[in-house]
Amino acid sequence: MSEDLQNKEREATKASVKGFLVCLTVLCLVGAAAWFALTTGLERLPSKVCDGAVERDVVIQTLPRTRTAEEGATRRHEGKDLEFSCHIYTSADPILSGKARVDDASADTWFNHYGGTTDGDSARVSANGVEALARLDRDSGSSYVYVPCVPRGVRASDASESYAVVAEASVIGEGRISGAALRQAVTDFAYQLLKHTYELAECQDIRNLPEDLPRYEDE
């Protein structure tokens, strides 16, 4: 075989290898772009969801990656009938939803209703009058929060027990995390809804709500 022919074959082999590597790189980039597009629906939500009530990072922490995500919030009524709700739907099926409202219940009544009668069934934390609990026998991360509040324009004496803002939230379907981590994340979601509703209610004798609640594992 002549030297010129050998050189041509070597050049052809190099070109083939180079072409293969280019194609492989393009395919990898296309695959990565497709994966990114199919799994970043939550990251494309506003930085604060639920009419600005909840940090997007709480939602990202709670729900699995998804192609698309949709959020929405609803405010209804005023005063002692005030109610605020929010949901995040995903194309991956799981849903994160929560609701906060003005209620007529003492902290004990609230706990007995949501926490059950057995202390081992729930975890509970409190800070500056805010109470939070999560049921330990639930896989959905259901969580509940309570803070005393007499709404603007309402007389405290009209309550059969005492006025408060209460919130509850849960995940329907499988979350990104599970167990104690999921219950904590859902409690954070419920607490941010509660803080927003507390402001909407223009509570009398307003208190400074903590930025974050104590972690359940701190108890």
N, C-alpha and C. Protein backbone atom coordinates (compact mmCIF):
# COMPACT_ATOMS: atom_id res chain seq x y z
N MET A 1 0.85 -1.19 0.00
CA MET A 1 0.00 0.00 0.00
C MET A 1 0.89 1.23 0.00
N SER A 2 0.59 2.19 -0.88
CA SER A 2 1.43 3.36 -0.97
C SER A 2 1.29 4.25 0.25
N GLU A 3 2.29 5.06 0.48
CA GLU A 3 2.26 5.97 1.64
C GLU A 3 1.14 6.98 1.52
N ASP A 4 0.86 7.44 0.29
CA ASP A 4 -0.24 8.41 0.10
C ASP A 4 -1.58 7.78 0.47
N LEU A 5 -1.78 6.52 0.11
CA LEU A 5 -3.04 5.85 0.42
C LEU A 5 -3.19 5.64 1.93
N GLN A 6 -2.08 5.28 2.59
CA GLN A 6 -2.11 5.12 4.04
C GLN A 6 -2.47 6.43 4.74
N ASN A 7 -1.90 7.52 4.25
CA ASN A 7 -2.19 8.83 4.84
C ASN A 7 -3.66 9.20 4.66
N LYS A 8 -4.20 8.89 3.49
CA LYS A 8 -5.61 9.18 3.24
C LYS A 8 -6.52 8.38 4.17
N GLU A 9 -6.15 7.10 4.39
CA GLU A 9 -6.95 6.27 5.28
C GLU A 9 -6.90 6.78 6.71
N ARG A 10 -5.68 7.20 7.14
CA ARG A 10 -5.56 7.75 8.50
C ARG A 10 -6.39 9.02 8.66
N GLU A 11 -6.37 9.86 7.62
CA GLU A 11 -7.15 11.09 7.68
C GLU A 11 -8.65 10.79 7.72
N ALA A 12 -9.07 9.78 6.96
CA ALA A 12 -10.48 9.40 6.94
C ALA A 12 -10.91 8.86 8.30
N THR A 13 -10.03 8.06 8.92
CA THR A 13 -10.33 7.50 10.24
C THR A 13 -10.46 8.61 11.27
N LYS A 14 -9.54 9.57 11.23
CA LYS A 14 -9.60 10.71 12.15
C LYS A 14 -10.89 11.49 11.98
N ALA A 15 -11.27 11.69 10.71
CA ALA A 15 -12.51 12.44 10.43
C ALA A 15 -13.72 11.68 10.96
N SER A 16 -13.71 10.35 10.80
CA SER A 16 -14.83 9.54 11.29
C SER A 16 -14.94 9.62 12.81
N VAL A 17 -13.79 9.50 13.48
CA VAL A 17 -13.78 9.59 14.95
C VAL A 17 -14.25 10.95 15.40
N LYS A 18 -13.75 11.99 14.73
CA LYS A 18 -14.14 13.35 15.09
C LYS A 18 -15.64 13.54 14.89
N GLY A 19 -16.16 13.03 13.77
CA GLY A 19 -17.60 13.15 13.52
C GLY A 19 -18.43 12.42 14.55
N PHE A 20 -17.93 11.23 14.95
CA PHE A 20 -18.65 10.45 15.97
C PHE A 20 -18.68 11.21 17.28
N LEU A 21 -17.55 11.79 17.68
CA LEU A 21 -17.49 12.54 18.93
C LEU A 21 -18.39 13.77 18.90
N VAL A 22 -18.44 14.43 17.75
CA VAL A 22 -19.31 15.60 17.62
C VAL A 22 -20.77 15.18 17.77
N CYS A 23 -21.14 14.08 17.08
CA CYS A 23 -22.52 13.59 17.17
C CYS A 23 -22.87 13.19 18.60
N LEU A 24 -21.91 12.52 19.26
CA LEU A 24 -22.14 12.10 20.64
C LEU A 24 -22.34 13.30 21.55
N THR A 25 -21.54 14.33 21.35
CA THR A 25 -21.66 15.54 22.16
C THR A 25 -23.01 16.22 21.94
N VAL A 26 -23.42 16.29 20.67
CA VAL A 26 -24.71 16.91 20.35
C VAL A 26 -25.85 16.12 20.98
N LEU A 27 -25.78 14.80 20.89
CA LEU A 27 -26.82 13.98 21.48
C LEU A 27 -26.89 14.16 22.99
N CYS A 28 -25.73 14.24 23.63
CA CYS A 28 -25.69 14.46 25.09
C CYS A 28 -26.31 15.80 25.45
N LEU A 29 -25.98 16.83 24.67
CA LEU A 29 -26.54 18.15 24.95
C LEU A 29 -28.04 18.18 24.74
N VAL A 30 -28.49 17.53 23.66
CA VAL A 30 -29.93 17.47 23.40
C VAL A 30 -30.64 16.70 24.51
N GLY A 31 -30.04 15.59 24.94
CA GLY A 31 -30.63 14.80 26.02
C GLY A 31 -30.69 15.57 27.31
N ALA A 32 -29.61 16.29 27.64
CA ALA A 32 -29.59 17.08 28.86
C ALA A 32 -30.63 18.20 28.80
N ALA A 33 -30.75 18.84 27.62
CA ALA A 33 -31.74 19.91 27.48
C ALA A 33 -33.15 19.36 27.61
N ALA A 34 -33.38 18.17 27.02
CA ALA A 34 -34.70 17.57 27.12
C ALA A 34 -35.03 17.20 28.56
N TRP A 35 -34.04 16.63 29.26
CA TRP A 35 -34.26 16.26 30.67
C TRP A 35 -34.53 17.51 31.50
N PHE A 36 -33.77 18.58 31.24
CA PHE A 36 -33.97 19.82 31.98
C PHE A 36 -35.38 20.36 31.74
N ALA A 37 -35.80 20.34 30.48
CA ALA A 37 -37.13 20.87 30.15
C ALA A 37 -38.24 20.04 30.77
N LEU A 38 -37.99 18.75 30.93
CA LEU A 38 -39.02 17.86 31.45
C LEU A 38 -39.07 17.80 32.97
N THR A 39 -38.07 18.39 33.65
CA THR A 39 -38.00 18.21 35.10
C THR A 39 -37.88 19.51 35.89
N THR A 40 -38.05 20.65 35.25
CA THR A 40 -37.84 21.91 35.95
C THR A 40 -39.10 22.77 36.01
N GLY A 41 -40.26 22.13 35.98
CA GLY A 41 -41.50 22.89 36.06
C GLY A 41 -41.61 23.71 37.33
N LEU A 42 -41.16 23.17 38.45
CA LEU A 42 -41.25 23.89 39.72
C LEU A 42 -40.33 25.11 39.73
N GLU A 43 -39.14 24.97 39.13
CA GLU A 43 -38.19 26.08 39.10
C GLU A 43 -38.69 27.25 38.26
N ARG A 44 -39.66 27.01 37.38
CA ARG A 44 -40.20 28.07 36.54
C ARG A 44 -41.39 28.78 37.19
N LEU A 45 -41.77 28.35 38.38
CA LEU A 45 -42.80 29.07 39.13
C LEU A 45 -42.25 30.41 39.61
N PRO A 46 -43.10 31.37 39.98
CA PRO A 46 -42.62 32.63 40.56
C PRO A 46 -41.79 32.36 41.81
N SER A 47 -40.89 33.27 42.14
CA SER A 47 -40.04 33.09 43.32
C SER A 47 -40.87 32.99 44.60
N LYS A 48 -42.06 33.60 44.58
CA LYS A 48 -43.02 33.44 45.67
C LYS A 48 -44.36 33.06 45.06
N VAL A 49 -44.92 31.96 45.52
CA VAL A 49 -46.20 31.47 45.01
C VAL A 49 -47.31 31.82 46.00
N CYS A 50 -48.53 31.44 45.65
CA CYS A 50 -49.68 31.68 46.54
C CYS A 50 -49.87 33.17 46.82
N ASP A 51 -49.93 33.96 45.74
CA ASP A 51 -50.09 35.43 45.88
C ASP A 51 -48.98 36.03 46.73
N GLY A 52 -47.77 35.48 46.61
CA GLY A 52 -46.63 36.01 47.33
C GLY A 52 -46.50 35.52 48.76
N ALA A 53 -47.31 34.53 49.13
CA ALA A 53 -47.31 34.08 50.53
C ALA A 53 -46.22 33.07 50.84
N VAL A 54 -45.80 32.27 49.85
CA VAL A 54 -44.93 31.13 50.10
C VAL A 54 -43.69 31.18 49.21
N GLU A 55 -42.53 30.92 49.80
CA GLU A 55 -41.29 30.84 49.04
C GLU A 55 -41.31 29.62 48.12
N ARG A 56 -40.90 29.84 46.87
CA ARG A 56 -40.85 28.74 45.90
C ARG A 56 -39.96 27.60 46.37
N ASP A 57 -38.89 27.91 47.10
CA ASP A 57 -37.96 26.87 47.55
C ASP A 57 -38.66 25.83 48.43
N VAL A 58 -39.67 26.26 49.19
CA VAL A 58 -40.41 25.30 50.03
C VAL A 58 -41.14 24.29 49.14
N VAL A 59 -41.70 24.78 48.04
CA VAL A 59 -42.41 23.91 47.10
C VAL A 59 -41.44 22.96 46.41
N ILE A 60 -40.29 23.49 45.97
CA ILE A 60 -39.28 22.66 45.30
C ILE A 60 -38.78 21.56 46.23
N GLN A 61 -38.61 21.90 47.50
CA GLN A 61 -38.15 20.92 48.46
C GLN A 61 -39.18 19.81 48.68
N THR A 62 -40.44 20.14 48.53
CA THR A 62 -41.51 19.21 48.90
C THR A 62 -41.94 18.30 47.76
N LEU A 63 -42.06 18.85 46.55
CA LEU A 63 -42.62 18.09 45.42
C LEU A 63 -41.52 17.53 44.52
N PRO A 64 -41.76 16.40 43.85
CA PRO A 64 -40.76 15.82 42.95
C PRO A 64 -40.62 16.66 41.68
N ARG A 65 -39.52 16.42 40.95
CA ARG A 65 -39.31 17.12 39.68
C ARG A 65 -40.47 16.83 38.73
N THR A 66 -40.79 17.82 37.92
CA THR A 66 -41.95 17.68 37.06
C THR A 66 -41.78 18.54 35.81
N ARG A 67 -42.42 18.13 34.73
CA ARG A 67 -42.32 18.88 33.47
C ARG A 67 -43.00 20.23 33.59
N THR A 68 -44.19 20.25 34.17
CA THR A 68 -44.91 21.52 34.33
C THR A 68 -45.49 21.59 35.74
N ALA A 69 -45.74 22.79 36.18
CA ALA A 69 -46.36 23.02 37.49
C ALA A 69 -47.24 24.25 37.40
N GLU A 70 -48.33 24.22 38.13
CA GLU A 70 -49.29 25.32 38.12
C GLU A 70 -49.66 25.66 39.56
N GLU A 71 -49.65 26.93 39.88
CA GLU A 71 -50.02 27.35 41.23
C GLU A 71 -51.17 28.34 41.19
N GLY A 72 -51.95 28.35 42.26
CA GLY A 72 -53.06 29.28 42.34
C GLY A 72 -53.50 29.48 43.77
N ALA A 73 -54.06 30.63 44.05
CA ALA A 73 -54.50 30.96 45.40
C ALA A 73 -55.87 31.63 45.34
N THR A 74 -56.62 31.46 46.42
CA THR A 74 -57.96 32.04 46.50
C THR A 74 -58.17 32.65 47.89
N ARG A 75 -58.68 33.87 47.91
CA ARG A 75 -59.07 34.52 49.17
C ARG A 75 -60.58 34.68 49.19
N ARG A 76 -61.19 34.33 50.33
CA ARG A 76 -62.64 34.43 50.44
C ARG A 76 -63.02 35.10 51.75
N HIS A 77 -64.05 35.94 51.69
CA HIS A 77 -64.68 36.54 52.86
C HIS A 77 -63.72 37.46 53.63
N GLU A 78 -64.19 37.94 54.78
CA GLU A 78 -63.43 38.85 55.62
C GLU A 78 -63.69 38.51 57.09
N GLY A 79 -62.96 39.22 57.97
CA GLY A 79 -63.21 39.09 59.41
C GLY A 79 -63.17 37.67 59.91
N LYS A 80 -64.18 37.28 60.68
CA LYS A 80 -64.19 35.95 61.29
C LYS A 80 -64.47 34.84 60.28
N ASP A 81 -64.79 35.20 59.04
CA ASP A 81 -65.03 34.21 57.99
C ASP A 81 -63.91 34.16 56.96
N LEU A 82 -62.81 34.87 57.23
CA LEU A 82 -61.71 34.95 56.27
C LEU A 82 -61.12 33.56 56.01
N GLU A 83 -60.82 33.30 54.74
CA GLU A 83 -60.20 32.03 54.35
C GLU A 83 -59.27 32.27 53.18
N PHE A 84 -58.09 31.67 53.22
CA PHE A 84 -57.11 31.79 52.15
C PHE A 84 -56.58 30.40 51.83
N SER A 85 -56.59 30.03 50.55
CA SER A 85 -56.13 28.69 50.17
C SER A 85 -55.17 28.77 49.00
N CYS A 86 -54.37 27.73 48.86
CA CYS A 86 -53.39 27.69 47.78
C CYS A 86 -53.14 26.25 47.38
N HIS A 87 -52.81 26.05 46.08
CA HIS A 87 -52.47 24.71 45.60
C HIS A 87 -51.35 24.82 44.58
N ILE A 88 -50.57 23.76 44.47
CA ILE A 88 -49.59 23.61 43.40
C ILE A 88 -49.82 22.26 42.75
N TYR A 89 -50.27 22.28 41.50
CA TYR A 89 -50.48 21.05 40.73
C TYR A 89 -49.25 20.78 39.88
N THR A 90 -48.94 19.50 39.65
CA THR A 90 -47.80 19.13 38.81
C THR A 90 -48.20 18.09 37.79
N SER A 91 -47.48 18.06 36.67
CA SER A 91 -47.73 17.04 35.66
C SER A 91 -47.23 15.68 36.12
N ALA A 92 -46.49 15.64 37.23
CA ALA A 92 -46.02 14.38 37.80
C ALA A 92 -47.05 13.80 38.77
N ASP A 93 -48.22 14.42 38.86
CA ASP A 93 -49.37 13.98 39.66
C ASP A 93 -49.42 14.51 41.10
N PRO A 94 -48.31 14.49 41.89
CA PRO A 94 -48.43 14.98 43.26
C PRO A 94 -48.93 16.43 43.35
N ILE A 95 -49.70 16.71 44.38
CA ILE A 95 -50.27 18.04 44.61
C ILE A 95 -49.91 18.49 46.01
N LEU A 96 -49.50 19.72 46.15
CA LEU A 96 -49.29 20.34 47.45
C LEU A 96 -50.38 21.38 47.64
N SER A 97 -51.16 21.24 48.70
CA SER A 97 -52.25 22.19 48.91
C SER A 97 -52.35 22.54 50.38
N GLY A 98 -52.91 23.72 50.63
CA GLY A 98 -53.08 24.16 52.00
C GLY A 98 -54.14 25.23 52.11
N LYS A 99 -54.60 25.44 53.33
CA LYS A 99 -55.64 26.43 53.60
C LYS A 99 -55.42 27.04 54.97
N ALA A 100 -55.63 28.34 55.07
CA ALA A 100 -55.60 29.03 56.36
C ALA A 100 -56.89 29.81 56.51
N ARG A 101 -57.40 29.88 57.73
CA ARG A 101 -58.68 30.56 57.95
C ARG A 101 -58.76 31.05 59.38
N VAL A 102 -59.69 31.96 59.62
CA VAL A 102 -60.01 32.37 60.98
C VAL A 102 -60.96 31.34 61.56
N ASP A 103 -60.69 30.91 62.79
CA ASP A 103 -61.51 29.89 63.44
C ASP A 103 -61.82 30.34 64.86
N ASP A 104 -62.79 29.69 65.46
CA ASP A 104 -63.17 29.97 66.86
C ASP A 104 -62.84 28.72 67.66
N ALA A 105 -61.62 28.66 68.18
CA ALA A 105 -61.17 27.47 68.91
C ALA A 105 -59.96 27.82 69.77
N SER A 106 -59.91 27.25 70.95
CA SER A 106 -58.73 27.40 71.80
C SER A 106 -57.62 26.51 71.28
N ALA A 107 -56.40 26.73 71.76
CA ALA A 107 -55.28 25.89 71.34
C ALA A 107 -55.51 24.44 71.73
N ASP A 108 -56.10 24.20 72.90
CA ASP A 108 -56.37 22.83 73.33
C ASP A 108 -57.40 22.15 72.43
N THR A 109 -58.46 22.88 72.09
CA THR A 109 -59.47 22.32 71.20
C THR A 109 -58.87 21.98 69.84
N TRP A 110 -58.07 22.91 69.35
CA TRP A 110 -57.39 22.70 68.06
C TRP A 110 -56.51 21.47 68.11
N PHE A 111 -55.71 21.33 69.15
CA PHE A 111 -54.80 20.18 69.24
C PHE A 111 -55.56 18.87 69.38
N ASN A 112 -56.60 18.87 70.19
CA ASN A 112 -57.37 17.63 70.38
C ASN A 112 -58.03 17.19 69.08
N HIS A 113 -58.39 18.18 68.26
CA HIS A 113 -59.05 17.85 66.98
C HIS A 113 -58.05 17.26 65.98
N TYR A 114 -56.88 17.88 65.86
CA TYR A 114 -55.92 17.44 64.86
C TYR A 114 -54.86 16.49 65.39
N GLY A 115 -54.54 16.62 66.66
CA GLY A 115 -53.43 15.83 67.19
C GLY A 115 -53.83 14.52 67.81
N GLY A 116 -55.12 14.32 68.05
CA GLY A 116 -55.55 13.08 68.66
C GLY A 116 -55.33 13.11 70.17
N THR A 117 -55.65 12.04 70.80
CA THR A 117 -55.56 11.96 72.26
C THR A 117 -54.28 11.29 72.73
N THR A 118 -53.51 10.71 71.80
CA THR A 118 -52.28 10.02 72.19
C THR A 118 -51.09 10.85 71.77
N ASP A 119 -50.25 11.22 72.74
CA ASP A 119 -49.11 12.06 72.43
C ASP A 119 -48.19 11.43 71.40
N GLY A 120 -48.10 10.10 71.39
CA GLY A 120 -47.22 9.43 70.45
C GLY A 120 -47.67 9.52 69.01
N ASP A 121 -48.88 10.01 68.78
CA ASP A 121 -49.40 10.10 67.41
C ASP A 121 -48.95 11.36 66.69
N SER A 122 -48.34 12.31 67.38
CA SER A 122 -48.02 13.58 66.73
C SER A 122 -46.76 14.19 67.31
N ALA A 123 -46.16 15.08 66.51
CA ALA A 123 -45.04 15.90 66.96
C ALA A 123 -45.53 17.33 67.03
N ARG A 124 -45.10 18.05 68.05
CA ARG A 124 -45.63 19.39 68.28
C ARG A 124 -44.50 20.33 68.68
N VAL A 125 -44.52 21.55 68.13
CA VAL A 125 -43.58 22.60 68.51
C VAL A 125 -44.36 23.89 68.72
N SER A 126 -43.76 24.84 69.40
CA SER A 126 -44.41 26.14 69.62
C SER A 126 -43.35 27.24 69.73
N ALA A 127 -43.77 28.46 69.40
CA ALA A 127 -42.89 29.63 69.50
C ALA A 127 -43.74 30.88 69.50
N ASN A 128 -43.63 31.69 70.56
CA ASN A 128 -44.31 32.97 70.66
C ASN A 128 -45.82 32.86 70.39
N GLY A 129 -46.43 31.84 70.96
CA GLY A 129 -47.87 31.67 70.81
C GLY A 129 -48.30 30.89 69.59
N VAL A 130 -47.37 30.59 68.70
CA VAL A 130 -47.69 29.80 67.51
C VAL A 130 -47.50 28.32 67.84
N GLU A 131 -48.49 27.51 67.51
CA GLU A 131 -48.42 26.07 67.73
C GLU A 131 -48.42 25.37 66.38
N ALA A 132 -47.61 24.33 66.26
CA ALA A 132 -47.59 23.55 65.02
C ALA A 132 -47.48 22.08 65.38
N LEU A 133 -48.13 21.25 64.58
CA LEU A 133 -48.03 19.81 64.81
C LEU A 133 -48.12 19.06 63.49
N ALA A 134 -47.58 17.86 63.50
CA ALA A 134 -47.67 16.97 62.34
C ALA A 134 -48.03 15.59 62.85
N ARG A 135 -48.95 14.96 62.16
CA ARG A 135 -49.33 13.60 62.51
C ARG A 135 -48.24 12.63 62.08
N LEU A 136 -47.81 11.79 63.00
CA LEU A 136 -46.73 10.86 62.71
C LEU A 136 -47.18 9.59 62.00
N ASP A 137 -48.48 9.35 61.98
CA ASP A 137 -48.98 8.13 61.36
C ASP A 137 -49.50 8.38 59.94
N ARG A 138 -49.10 9.49 59.34
CA ARG A 138 -49.55 9.81 57.99
C ARG A 138 -48.36 9.90 57.04
N ASP A 139 -48.48 9.36 55.85
CA ASP A 139 -47.42 9.42 54.86
C ASP A 139 -47.50 10.68 54.00
N SER A 140 -48.59 11.42 54.13
CA SER A 140 -48.80 12.56 53.25
C SER A 140 -48.17 13.85 53.79
N GLY A 141 -47.58 13.77 54.95
CA GLY A 141 -46.97 14.97 55.52
C GLY A 141 -47.98 15.98 56.00
N SER A 142 -49.17 15.56 56.38
CA SER A 142 -50.20 16.49 56.83
C SER A 142 -49.74 17.24 58.08
N SER A 143 -49.87 18.59 58.03
CA SER A 143 -49.40 19.43 59.13
C SER A 143 -50.41 20.53 59.41
N TYR A 144 -50.36 21.06 60.65
CA TYR A 144 -51.36 22.02 61.12
C TYR A 144 -50.66 23.08 61.97
N VAL A 145 -51.13 24.33 61.85
CA VAL A 145 -50.54 25.44 62.59
C VAL A 145 -51.65 26.30 63.18
N TYR A 146 -51.38 26.90 64.35
CA TYR A 146 -52.39 27.68 65.09
C TYR A 146 -51.72 28.91 65.70
N VAL A 147 -52.41 30.06 65.64
CA VAL A 147 -51.96 31.25 66.36
C VAL A 147 -53.19 32.07 66.75
N PRO A 148 -53.27 32.57 67.99
CA PRO A 148 -54.41 33.41 68.40
C PRO A 148 -54.51 34.65 67.53
N CYS A 149 -55.72 35.06 67.19
CA CYS A 149 -55.94 36.25 66.37
C CYS A 149 -57.39 36.66 66.45
N VAL A 150 -57.63 37.90 66.89
CA VAL A 150 -58.97 38.50 66.80
C VAL A 150 -58.94 39.43 65.58
N PRO A 151 -59.64 39.09 64.50
CA PRO A 151 -59.56 39.89 63.28
C PRO A 151 -60.08 41.32 63.49
N ARG A 152 -59.64 42.21 62.63
CA ARG A 152 -60.11 43.59 62.66
C ARG A 152 -61.63 43.61 62.50
N GLY A 153 -62.28 44.44 63.32
CA GLY A 153 -63.72 44.60 63.23
C GLY A 153 -64.52 43.53 63.94
N VAL A 154 -63.84 42.63 64.66
CA VAL A 154 -64.52 41.55 65.38
C VAL A 154 -64.25 41.70 66.87
N ARG A 155 -65.26 41.49 67.70
CA ARG A 155 -65.07 41.58 69.15
C ARG A 155 -64.63 40.23 69.70
N ALA A 156 -63.60 40.24 70.51
CA ALA A 156 -63.10 39.00 71.10
C ALA A 156 -64.18 38.30 71.91
N SER A 157 -65.05 39.07 72.54
CA SER A 157 -66.10 38.49 73.39
C SER A 157 -67.15 37.72 72.59
N ASP A 158 -67.17 37.90 71.28
CA ASP A 158 -68.14 37.18 70.45
C ASP A 158 -67.75 35.71 70.24
N ALA A 159 -66.52 35.37 70.53
CA ALA A 159 -66.05 34.00 70.32
C ALA A 159 -66.58 33.08 71.42
N SER A 160 -66.98 31.89 71.05
CA SER A 160 -67.39 30.91 72.06
C SER A 160 -66.18 30.39 72.83
N GLU A 161 -65.01 30.32 72.16
CA GLU A 161 -63.77 29.98 72.85
C GLU A 161 -62.77 31.13 72.67
N SER A 162 -62.06 31.15 71.55
CA SER A 162 -61.17 32.27 71.24
C SER A 162 -60.85 32.25 69.76
N TYR A 163 -60.75 33.43 69.15
CA TYR A 163 -60.47 33.50 67.72
C TYR A 163 -58.99 33.21 67.47
N ALA A 164 -58.74 32.57 66.34
CA ALA A 164 -57.38 32.23 65.95
C ALA A 164 -57.31 32.08 64.44
N VAL A 165 -56.10 32.16 63.91
CA VAL A 165 -55.86 31.77 62.53
C VAL A 165 -55.27 30.37 62.57
N VAL A 166 -55.87 29.47 61.83
CA VAL A 166 -55.38 28.09 61.77
C VAL A 166 -55.07 27.75 60.32
N ALA A 167 -54.09 26.91 60.13
CA ALA A 167 -53.70 26.49 58.77
C ALA A 167 -53.46 25.00 58.75
N GLU A 168 -53.71 24.40 57.60
CA GLU A 168 -53.42 22.98 57.41
C GLU A 168 -52.93 22.78 55.98
N ALA A 169 -52.06 21.80 55.79
CA ALA A 169 -51.52 21.53 54.47
C ALA A 169 -51.13 20.07 54.37
N SER A 170 -51.08 19.58 53.13
CA SER A 170 -50.68 18.19 52.91
C SER A 170 -50.25 17.99 51.47
N VAL A 171 -49.58 16.88 51.24
CA VAL A 171 -49.20 16.46 49.90
C VAL A 171 -50.10 15.29 49.51
N ILE A 172 -50.69 15.38 48.33
CA ILE A 172 -51.45 14.27 47.77
C ILE A 172 -50.55 13.60 46.74
N GLY A 173 -50.19 12.36 46.96
CA GLY A 173 -49.23 11.67 46.11
C GLY A 173 -47.88 11.62 46.78
N GLU A 174 -46.88 11.18 46.04
CA GLU A 174 -45.54 10.98 46.59
C GLU A 174 -44.72 12.25 46.48
N GLY A 175 -44.18 12.71 47.61
CA GLY A 175 -43.36 13.90 47.61
C GLY A 175 -41.92 13.60 47.21
N ARG A 176 -41.11 14.67 47.08
CA ARG A 176 -39.70 14.48 46.76
C ARG A 176 -38.96 13.86 47.92
N ILE A 177 -39.43 14.16 49.14
CA ILE A 177 -38.84 13.63 50.35
C ILE A 177 -39.92 12.85 51.09
N SER A 178 -39.57 12.23 52.19
CA SER A 178 -40.54 11.42 52.92
C SER A 178 -40.26 11.50 54.41
N GLY A 179 -41.15 10.89 55.19
CA GLY A 179 -40.94 10.80 56.63
C GLY A 179 -40.91 12.16 57.30
N ALA A 180 -40.00 12.31 58.28
CA ALA A 180 -39.91 13.53 59.07
C ALA A 180 -39.59 14.75 58.20
N ALA A 181 -38.76 14.56 57.17
CA ALA A 181 -38.40 15.68 56.30
C ALA A 181 -39.62 16.21 55.56
N LEU A 182 -40.48 15.30 55.10
CA LEU A 182 -41.69 15.73 54.40
C LEU A 182 -42.63 16.46 55.34
N ARG A 183 -42.83 15.93 56.52
CA ARG A 183 -43.73 16.59 57.49
C ARG A 183 -43.22 17.98 57.84
N GLN A 184 -41.89 18.12 57.94
CA GLN A 184 -41.33 19.43 58.26
C GLN A 184 -41.55 20.42 57.12
N ALA A 185 -41.33 19.97 55.88
CA ALA A 185 -41.50 20.85 54.73
C ALA A 185 -42.96 21.29 54.58
N VAL A 186 -43.89 20.37 54.79
CA VAL A 186 -45.30 20.72 54.67
C VAL A 186 -45.71 21.66 55.80
N THR A 187 -45.14 21.50 56.98
CA THR A 187 -45.41 22.44 58.07
C THR A 187 -44.91 23.83 57.72
N ASP A 188 -43.74 23.91 57.10
CA ASP A 188 -43.22 25.21 56.67
C ASP A 188 -44.16 25.86 55.66
N PHE A 189 -44.70 25.06 54.75
CA PHE A 189 -45.67 25.56 53.77
C PHE A 189 -46.92 26.08 54.50
N ALA A 190 -47.45 25.30 55.43
CA ALA A 190 -48.64 25.72 56.17
C ALA A 190 -48.37 26.98 56.98
N TYR A 191 -47.18 27.07 57.56
CA TYR A 191 -46.87 28.24 58.39
C TYR A 191 -46.79 29.51 57.55
N GLN A 192 -46.24 29.41 56.35
CA GLN A 192 -46.18 30.60 55.50
C GLN A 192 -47.58 31.03 55.06
N LEU A 193 -48.47 30.07 54.83
CA LEU A 193 -49.86 30.43 54.55
C LEU A 193 -50.49 31.11 55.77
N LEU A 194 -50.19 30.59 56.95
CA LEU A 194 -50.75 31.18 58.17
C LEU A 194 -50.26 32.61 58.36
N LYS A 195 -48.97 32.86 58.16
CA LYS A 195 -48.45 34.22 58.34
C LYS A 195 -49.12 35.20 57.37
N HIS A 196 -49.33 34.75 56.14
CA HIS A 196 -49.98 35.60 55.15
C HIS A 196 -51.42 35.91 55.56
N THR A 197 -52.13 34.90 56.03
CA THR A 197 -53.52 35.09 56.43
C THR A 197 -53.61 35.93 57.70
N TYR A 198 -52.62 35.79 58.56
CA TYR A 198 -52.56 36.62 59.77
C TYR A 198 -52.50 38.10 59.41
N GLU A 199 -51.74 38.41 58.36
CA GLU A 199 -51.67 39.80 57.90
C GLU A 199 -52.98 40.22 57.25
N LEU A 200 -53.58 39.34 56.47
CA LEU A 200 -54.85 39.67 55.82
C LEU A 200 -55.94 39.95 56.86
N ALA A 201 -55.92 39.23 57.97
CA ALA A 201 -56.93 39.38 59.01
C ALA A 201 -56.76 40.66 59.81
N GLU A 202 -55.59 41.32 59.69
CA GLU A 202 -55.30 42.54 60.45
C GLU A 202 -55.62 42.31 61.94
N CYS A 203 -55.01 41.28 62.48
CA CYS A 203 -55.30 40.85 63.85
C CYS A 203 -55.07 41.97 64.86
N GLN A 204 -55.94 42.05 65.82
CA GLN A 204 -55.79 42.99 66.92
C GLN A 204 -54.74 42.42 67.90
N ASP A 205 -54.16 43.31 68.72
CA ASP A 205 -53.09 42.88 69.63
C ASP A 205 -52.06 42.06 68.86
N ILE A 206 -51.60 42.59 67.74
CA ILE A 206 -50.73 41.87 66.83
C ILE A 206 -49.43 41.46 67.53
N ARG A 207 -48.97 40.27 67.24
CA ARG A 207 -47.72 39.77 67.80
C ARG A 207 -46.71 39.58 66.66
N ASN A 208 -45.44 39.61 67.00
CA ASN A 208 -44.39 39.37 66.02
C ASN A 208 -44.21 37.86 65.83
N LEU A 209 -44.64 37.39 64.70
CA LEU A 209 -44.50 35.96 64.43
C LEU A 209 -43.05 35.63 64.08
N PRO A 210 -42.53 34.51 64.58
CA PRO A 210 -41.14 34.14 64.25
C PRO A 210 -40.98 33.90 62.76
N GLU A 211 -39.78 34.15 62.25
CA GLU A 211 -39.51 33.93 60.83
C GLU A 211 -39.74 32.46 60.47
N ASP A 212 -39.24 31.57 61.30
CA ASP A 212 -39.41 30.14 61.10
C ASP A 212 -39.80 29.50 62.42
N LEU A 213 -40.44 28.35 62.34
CA LEU A 213 -40.80 27.60 63.54
C LEU A 213 -39.64 26.68 63.93
N PRO A 214 -39.58 26.29 65.22
CA PRO A 214 -38.57 25.29 65.61
C PRO A 214 -38.74 24.01 64.82
N ARG A 215 -37.62 23.35 64.57
CA ARG A 215 -37.69 22.07 63.85
C ARG A 215 -38.24 21.00 64.78
N TYR A 216 -38.98 20.07 64.24
CA TYR A 216 -39.54 18.99 65.06
C TYR A 216 -38.42 18.19 65.73
N GLU A 217 -37.31 18.01 65.01
CA GLU A 217 -36.24 17.19 65.58
C GLU A 217 -35.54 17.88 66.74
N ASP A 218 -35.79 19.19 66.93
CA ASP A 218 -35.22 19.90 68.07
C ASP A 218 -35.92 19.59 69.36
N GLU A 219 -37.12 19.01 69.26
CA GLU A 219 -37.91 18.76 70.45
C GLU A 219 -37.43 17.51 71.17
